[in-house]
Amino acid sequence: MNITIRKIGNSEGIIIPKDVLDRMGVKAGDEITMTSDGDKIILAAADGDFDRQLGHAEKFMDRYKVALKKLAE
């Protein structure tokens, strides 16, 4: 399947076909994660629980960065 990159304002984007979105279990307004592996782009449905937990972990690490650094020594 070939998809054309389109100009969207000052950015560029792609249109994802509905059948692909249906297979991923996402719809307009949902969040997806994007990673890259060499010359490949990988899209996946976002895991809201994981994102929430990661946010808490980042706050914890920022708050206790000195203690965590001492523990790592």
PDB file of N, CA and C in Angstrom:
ATOM      1  N   MET A   1       0.847  -1.169   0.000  1.00  0.00           N
ATOM      2  CA  MET A   1       0.000   0.000   0.000  1.00  0.00           C
ATOM      3  C   MET A   1       0.900   1.241   0.000  1.00  0.00           C
ATOM      4  N   ASN A   2       0.731   2.093  -0.949  1.00  0.00           N
ATOM      5  CA  ASN A   2       1.489   3.342  -1.018  1.00  0.00           C
ATOM      6  C   ASN A   2       0.607   4.489  -0.549  1.00  0.00           C
ATOM      7  N   ILE A   3       1.165   5.357   0.279  1.00  0.00           N
ATOM      8  CA  ILE A   3       0.455   6.520   0.806  1.00  0.00           C
ATOM      9  C   ILE A   3       1.301   7.742   0.509  1.00  0.00           C
ATOM     10  N   THR A   4       0.666   8.836   0.086  1.00  0.00           N
ATOM     11  CA  THR A   4       1.372  10.063  -0.249  1.00  0.00           C
ATOM     12  C   THR A   4       1.483  10.966   0.974  1.00  0.00           C
ATOM     13  N   ILE A   5       2.664  11.520   1.189  1.00  0.00           N
ATOM     14  CA  ILE A   5       2.865  12.506   2.256  1.00  0.00           C
ATOM     15  C   ILE A   5       2.308  13.832   1.745  1.00  0.00           C
ATOM     16  N   ARG A   6       1.465  14.468   2.554  1.00  0.00           N
ATOM     17  CA  ARG A   6       0.783  15.704   2.151  1.00  0.00           C
ATOM     18  C   ARG A   6       1.192  16.873   3.039  1.00  0.00           C
ATOM     19  N   LYS A   7       1.142  18.049   2.506  1.00  0.00           N
ATOM     20  CA  LYS A   7       1.407  19.273   3.251  1.00  0.00           C
ATOM     21  C   LYS A   7       0.169  19.600   4.085  1.00  0.00           C
ATOM     22  N   ILE A   8       0.364  19.796   5.396  1.00  0.00           N
ATOM     23  CA  ILE A   8      -0.720  20.153   6.310  1.00  0.00           C
ATOM     24  C   ILE A   8      -0.243  21.347   7.122  1.00  0.00           C
ATOM     25  N   GLY A   9      -0.616  22.551   6.722  1.00  0.00           N
ATOM     26  CA  GLY A   9      -0.131  23.760   7.381  1.00  0.00           C
ATOM     27  C   GLY A   9       1.375  23.856   7.221  1.00  0.00           C
ATOM     28  N   ASN A  10       2.096  24.011   8.336  1.00  0.00           N
ATOM     29  CA  ASN A  10       3.554  24.066   8.302  1.00  0.00           C
ATOM     30  C   ASN A  10       4.177  22.689   8.477  1.00  0.00           C
ATOM     31  N   SER A  11       3.338  21.657   8.541  1.00  0.00           N
ATOM     32  CA  SER A  11       3.819  20.294   8.757  1.00  0.00           C
ATOM     33  C   SER A  11       3.519  19.434   7.538  1.00  0.00           C
ATOM     34  N   GLU A  12       3.843  18.179   7.666  1.00  0.00           N
ATOM     35  CA  GLU A  12       3.500  17.209   6.641  1.00  0.00           C
ATOM     36  C   GLU A  12       2.861  16.025   7.324  1.00  0.00           C
ATOM     37  N   GLY A  13       1.976  15.315   6.634  1.00  0.00           N
ATOM     38  CA  GLY A  13       1.275  14.205   7.260  1.00  0.00           C
ATOM     39  C   GLY A  13       0.793  13.201   6.246  1.00  0.00           C
ATOM     40  N   ILE A  14       0.173  12.163   6.753  1.00  0.00           N
ATOM     41  CA  ILE A  14      -0.391  11.120   5.896  1.00  0.00           C
ATOM     42  C   ILE A  14      -1.836  10.880   6.310  1.00  0.00           C
ATOM     43  N   ILE A  15      -2.609  10.345   5.397  1.00  0.00           N
ATOM     44  CA  ILE A  15      -3.964   9.910   5.683  1.00  0.00           C
ATOM     45  C   ILE A  15      -3.907   8.389   5.844  1.00  0.00           C
ATOM     46  N   ILE A  16      -4.378   7.896   6.990  1.00  0.00           N
ATOM     47  CA  ILE A  16      -4.364   6.456   7.248  1.00  0.00           C
ATOM     48  C   ILE A  16      -5.724   5.903   6.832  1.00  0.00           C
ATOM     49  N   PRO A  17      -5.744   4.923   5.945  1.00  0.00           N
ATOM     50  CA  PRO A  17      -7.025   4.364   5.484  1.00  0.00           C
ATOM     51  C   PRO A  17      -7.854   3.789   6.633  1.00  0.00           C
ATOM     52  N   LYS A  18      -9.182   3.905   6.517  1.00  0.00           N
ATOM     53  CA  LYS A  18     -10.098   3.472   7.562  1.00  0.00           C
ATOM     54  C   LYS A  18      -9.938   1.994   7.891  1.00  0.00           C
ATOM     55  N   ASP A  19      -9.713   1.141   6.901  1.00  0.00           N
ATOM     56  CA  ASP A  19      -9.578  -0.285   7.202  1.00  0.00           C
ATOM     57  C   ASP A  19      -8.345  -0.561   8.070  1.00  0.00           C
ATOM     58  N   VAL A  20      -7.286   0.226   7.913  1.00  0.00           N
ATOM     59  CA  VAL A  20      -6.093   0.077   8.754  1.00  0.00           C
ATOM     60  C   VAL A  20      -6.417   0.526  10.175  1.00  0.00           C
ATOM     61  N   LEU A  21      -7.125   1.655  10.305  1.00  0.00           N
ATOM     62  CA  LEU A  21      -7.516   2.139  11.630  1.00  0.00           C
ATOM     63  C   LEU A  21      -8.415   1.126  12.334  1.00  0.00           C
ATOM     64  N   ASP A  22      -9.338   0.517  11.576  1.00  0.00           N
ATOM     65  CA  ASP A  22     -10.227  -0.499  12.159  1.00  0.00           C
ATOM     66  C   ASP A  22      -9.428  -1.689  12.674  1.00  0.00           C
ATOM     67  N   ARG A  23      -8.433  -2.142  11.920  1.00  0.00           N
ATOM     68  CA  ARG A  23      -7.611  -3.276  12.356  1.00  0.00           C
ATOM     69  C   ARG A  23      -6.820  -2.923  13.615  1.00  0.00           C
ATOM     70  N   MET A  24      -6.405  -1.635  13.730  1.00  0.00           N
ATOM     71  CA  MET A  24      -5.661  -1.194  14.919  1.00  0.00           C
ATOM     72  C   MET A  24      -6.588  -0.971  16.105  1.00  0.00           C
ATOM     73  N   GLY A  25      -7.889  -0.845  15.841  1.00  0.00           N
ATOM     74  CA  GLY A  25      -8.848  -0.587  16.910  1.00  0.00           C
ATOM     75  C   GLY A  25      -8.853   0.852  17.370  1.00  0.00           C
ATOM     76  N   VAL A  26      -8.548   1.782  16.457  1.00  0.00           N
ATOM     77  CA  VAL A  26      -8.544   3.208  16.800  1.00  0.00           C
ATOM     78  C   VAL A  26      -9.475   3.957  15.861  1.00  0.00           C
ATOM     79  N   LYS A  27      -9.840   5.174  16.292  1.00  0.00           N
ATOM     80  CA  LYS A  27     -10.707   6.019  15.484  1.00  0.00           C
ATOM     81  C   LYS A  27     -10.239   7.465  15.623  1.00  0.00           C
ATOM     82  N   ALA A  28     -10.842   8.364  14.888  1.00  0.00           N
ATOM     83  CA  ALA A  28     -10.480   9.782  14.941  1.00  0.00           C
ATOM     84  C   ALA A  28     -10.539  10.274  16.384  1.00  0.00           C
ATOM     85  N   GLY A  29      -9.505  10.960  16.824  1.00  0.00           N
ATOM     86  CA  GLY A  29      -9.435  11.496  18.180  1.00  0.00           C
ATOM     87  C   GLY A  29      -8.654  10.621  19.143  1.00  0.00           C
ATOM     88  N   ASP A  30      -8.463   9.336  18.810  1.00  0.00           N
ATOM     89  CA  ASP A  30      -7.671   8.451  19.659  1.00  0.00           C
ATOM     90  C   ASP A  30      -6.188   8.778  19.505  1.00  0.00           C
ATOM     91  N   GLU A  31      -5.406   8.414  20.509  1.00  0.00           N
ATOM     92  CA  GLU A  31      -3.964   8.617  20.433  1.00  0.00           C
ATOM     93  C   GLU A  31      -3.288   7.333  19.992  1.00  0.00           C
ATOM     94  N   ILE A  32      -2.235   7.480  19.208  1.00  0.00           N
ATOM     95  CA  ILE A  32      -1.405   6.347  18.814  1.00  0.00           C
ATOM     96  C   ILE A  32       0.038   6.692  19.136  1.00  0.00           C
ATOM     97  N   THR A  33       0.860   5.681  19.285  1.00  0.00           N
ATOM     98  CA  THR A  33       2.286   5.915  19.503  1.00  0.00           C
ATOM     99  C   THR A  33       3.023   5.651  18.197  1.00  0.00           C
ATOM    100  N   MET A  34       4.089   6.391  17.985  1.00  0.00           N
ATOM    101  CA  MET A  34       4.891   6.228  16.785  1.00  0.00           C
ATOM    102  C   MET A  34       6.339   6.014  17.187  1.00  0.00           C
ATOM    103  N   THR A  35       6.945   4.964  16.662  1.00  0.00           N
ATOM    104  CA  THR A  35       8.364   4.721  16.855  1.00  0.00           C
ATOM    105  C   THR A  35       8.967   4.476  15.488  1.00  0.00           C
ATOM    106  N   SER A  36      10.273   4.555  15.421  1.00  0.00           N
ATOM    107  CA  SER A  36      10.931   4.277  14.146  1.00  0.00           C
ATOM    108  C   SER A  36      12.024   3.237  14.374  1.00  0.00           C
ATOM    109  N   ASP A  37      12.230   2.442  13.358  1.00  0.00           N
ATOM    110  CA  ASP A  37      13.245   1.396  13.388  1.00  0.00           C
ATOM    111  C   ASP A  37      13.960   1.455  12.049  1.00  0.00           C
ATOM    112  N   GLY A  38      15.079   2.160  12.034  1.00  0.00           N
ATOM    113  CA  GLY A  38      15.789   2.347  10.766  1.00  0.00           C
ATOM    114  C   GLY A  38      14.937   3.168   9.821  1.00  0.00           C
ATOM    115  N   ASP A  39      14.573   2.587   8.697  1.00  0.00           N
ATOM    116  CA  ASP A  39      13.771   3.315   7.714  1.00  0.00           C
ATOM    117  C   ASP A  39      12.283   2.983   7.823  1.00  0.00           C
ATOM    118  N   LYS A  40      11.859   2.380   8.943  1.00  0.00           N
ATOM    119  CA  LYS A  40      10.457   2.002   9.144  1.00  0.00           C
ATOM    120  C   LYS A  40       9.829   2.884  10.219  1.00  0.00           C
ATOM    121  N   ILE A  41       8.560   3.219  10.029  1.00  0.00           N
ATOM    122  CA  ILE A  41       7.765   3.913  11.032  1.00  0.00           C
ATOM    123  C   ILE A  41       6.745   2.913  11.548  1.00  0.00           C
ATOM    124  N   ILE A  42       6.644   2.784  12.876  1.00  0.00           N
ATOM    125  CA  ILE A  42       5.743   1.819  13.490  1.00  0.00           C
ATOM    126  C   ILE A  42       4.685   2.584  14.283  1.00  0.00           C
ATOM    127  N   LEU A  43       3.415   2.358  13.949  1.00  0.00           N
ATOM    128  CA  LEU A  43       2.298   2.975  14.645  1.00  0.00           C
ATOM    129  C   LEU A  43       1.580   1.915  15.461  1.00  0.00           C
ATOM    130  N   ALA A  44       1.180   2.274  16.691  1.00  0.00           N
ATOM    131  CA  ALA A  44       0.450   1.344  17.545  1.00  0.00           C
ATOM    132  C   ALA A  44      -0.564   2.127  18.365  1.00  0.00           C
ATOM    133  N   ALA A  45      -1.657   1.475  18.714  1.00  0.00           N
ATOM    134  CA  ALA A  45      -2.654   2.106  19.573  1.00  0.00           C
ATOM    135  C   ALA A  45      -1.992   2.442  20.906  1.00  0.00           C
ATOM    136  N   ALA A  46      -2.227   3.655  21.394  1.00  0.00           N
ATOM    137  CA  ALA A  46      -1.622   4.087  22.660  1.00  0.00           C
ATOM    138  C   ALA A  46      -2.278   3.361  23.822  1.00  0.00           C
ATOM    139  N   ASP A  47      -1.486   3.018  24.810  1.00  0.00           N
ATOM    140  CA  ASP A  47      -1.965   2.375  26.028  1.00  0.00           C
ATOM    141  C   ASP A  47      -2.084   3.464  27.086  1.00  0.00           C
ATOM    142  N   GLY A  48      -3.307   3.924  27.348  1.00  0.00           N
ATOM    143  CA  GLY A  48      -3.544   5.031  28.279  1.00  0.00           C
ATOM    144  C   GLY A  48      -3.005   4.752  29.666  1.00  0.00           C
ATOM    145  N   ASP A  49      -3.166   3.514  30.156  1.00  0.00           N
ATOM    146  CA  ASP A  49      -2.664   3.173  31.489  1.00  0.00           C
ATOM    147  C   ASP A  49      -1.143   3.292  31.539  1.00  0.00           C
ATOM    148  N   PHE A  50      -0.482   2.789  30.505  1.00  0.00           N
ATOM    149  CA  PHE A  50       0.981   2.860  30.469  1.00  0.00           C
ATOM    150  C   PHE A  50       1.446   4.308  30.443  1.00  0.00           C
ATOM    151  N   ASP A  51       0.810   5.138  29.609  1.00  0.00           N
ATOM    152  CA  ASP A  51       1.191   6.549  29.521  1.00  0.00           C
ATOM    153  C   ASP A  51       1.006   7.253  30.865  1.00  0.00           C
ATOM    154  N   ARG A  52      -0.084   6.941  31.558  1.00  0.00           N
ATOM    155  CA  ARG A  52      -0.330   7.545  32.870  1.00  0.00           C
ATOM    156  C   ARG A  52       0.742   7.111  33.866  1.00  0.00           C
ATOM    157  N   GLN A  53       1.062   5.822  33.869  1.00  0.00           N
ATOM    158  CA  GLN A  53       2.077   5.302  34.780  1.00  0.00           C
ATOM    159  C   GLN A  53       3.452   5.880  34.460  1.00  0.00           C
ATOM    160  N   LEU A  54       3.753   6.027  33.186  1.00  0.00           N
ATOM    161  CA  LEU A  54       5.031   6.607  32.790  1.00  0.00           C
ATOM    162  C   LEU A  54       5.134   8.051  33.256  1.00  0.00           C
ATOM    163  N   GLY A  55       4.049   8.785  33.176  1.00  0.00           N
ATOM    164  CA  GLY A  55       4.029  10.168  33.664  1.00  0.00           C
ATOM    165  C   GLY A  55       4.330  10.241  35.152  1.00  0.00           C
ATOM    166  N   HIS A  56       3.731   9.338  35.920  1.00  0.00           N
ATOM    167  CA  HIS A  56       3.996   9.300  37.367  1.00  0.00           C
ATOM    168  C   HIS A  56       5.453   8.940  37.637  1.00  0.00           C
ATOM    169  N   ALA A  57       5.988   7.986  36.874  1.00  0.00           N
ATOM    170  CA  ALA A  57       7.389   7.581  37.063  1.00  0.00           C
ATOM    171  C   ALA A  57       8.332   8.739  36.758  1.00  0.00           C
ATOM    172  N   GLU A  58       8.038   9.494  35.701  1.00  0.00           N
ATOM    173  CA  GLU A  58       8.894  10.634  35.363  1.00  0.00           C
ATOM    174  C   GLU A  58       8.878  11.693  36.462  1.00  0.00           C
ATOM    175  N   LYS A  59       7.704  11.962  37.044  1.00  0.00           N
ATOM    176  CA  LYS A  59       7.609  12.927  38.146  1.00  0.00           C
ATOM    177  C   LYS A  59       8.406  12.430  39.354  1.00  0.00           C
ATOM    178  N   PHE A  60       8.269  11.138  39.672  1.00  0.00           N
ATOM    179  CA  PHE A  60       8.991  10.537  40.794  1.00  0.00           C
ATOM    180  C   PHE A  60      10.495  10.656  40.579  1.00  0.00           C
ATOM    181  N   MET A  61      10.971  10.310  39.378  1.00  0.00           N
ATOM    182  CA  MET A  61      12.413  10.356  39.090  1.00  0.00           C
ATOM    183  C   MET A  61      12.936  11.782  39.149  1.00  0.00           C
ATOM    184  N   ASP A  62      12.128  12.738  38.705  1.00  0.00           N
ATOM    185  CA  ASP A  62      12.565  14.132  38.764  1.00  0.00           C
ATOM    186  C   ASP A  62      12.635  14.608  40.212  1.00  0.00           C
ATOM    187  N   ARG A  63      11.652  14.240  41.005  1.00  0.00           N
ATOM    188  CA  ARG A  63      11.601  14.669  42.402  1.00  0.00           C
ATOM    189  C   ARG A  63      12.745  14.066  43.217  1.00  0.00           C
ATOM    190  N   TYR A  64      13.087  12.805  42.961  1.00  0.00           N
ATOM    191  CA  TYR A  64      14.089  12.101  43.766  1.00  0.00           C
ATOM    192  C   TYR A  64      15.363  11.787  42.977  1.00  0.00           C
ATOM    193  N   LYS A  65      15.698  12.651  42.014  1.00  0.00           N
ATOM    194  CA  LYS A  65      16.858  12.356  41.159  1.00  0.00           C
ATOM    195  C   LYS A  65      18.162  12.271  41.938  1.00  0.00           C
ATOM    196  N   VAL A  66      18.337  13.077  42.981  1.00  0.00           N
ATOM    197  CA  VAL A  66      19.568  13.029  43.776  1.00  0.00           C
ATOM    198  C   VAL A  66      19.655  11.690  44.512  1.00  0.00           C
ATOM    199  N   ALA A  67      18.566  11.284  45.145  1.00  0.00           N
ATOM    200  CA  ALA A  67      18.560  10.013  45.874  1.00  0.00           C
ATOM    201  C   ALA A  67      18.764   8.839  44.921  1.00  0.00           C
ATOM    202  N   LEU A  68      18.131   8.880  43.755  1.00  0.00           N
ATOM    203  CA  LEU A  68      18.287   7.797  42.784  1.00  0.00           C
ATOM    204  C   LEU A  68      19.726   7.730  42.260  1.00  0.00           C
ATOM    205  N   LYS A  69      20.349   8.888  42.102  1.00  0.00           N
ATOM    206  CA  LYS A  69      21.743   8.910  41.637  1.00  0.00           C
ATOM    207  C   LYS A  69      22.652   8.289  42.701  1.00  0.00           C
ATOM    208  N   LYS A  70      22.413   8.617  43.983  1.00  0.00           N
ATOM    209  CA  LYS A  70      23.207   8.041  45.071  1.00  0.00           C
ATOM    210  C   LYS A  70      23.025   6.527  45.131  1.00  0.00           C
ATOM    211  N   LEU A  71      21.789   6.061  44.955  1.00  0.00           N
ATOM    212  CA  LEU A  71      21.542   4.625  44.971  1.00  0.00           C
ATOM    213  C   LEU A  71      22.241   3.906  43.813  1.00  0.00           C
ATOM    214  N   ALA A  72      22.403   4.603  42.697  1.00  0.00           N
ATOM    215  CA  ALA A  72      23.030   3.992  41.526  1.00  0.00           C
ATOM    216  C   ALA A  72      24.535   3.880  41.678  1.00  0.00           C
ATOM    217  N   GLU A  73      25.121   4.624  42.594  1.00  0.00           N
ATOM    218  CA  GLU A  73      26.586   4.608  42.768  1.00  0.00           C
ATOM    219  C   GLU A  73      27.064   3.359  43.439  1.00  0.00           C
TER     220      GLU A  73
END
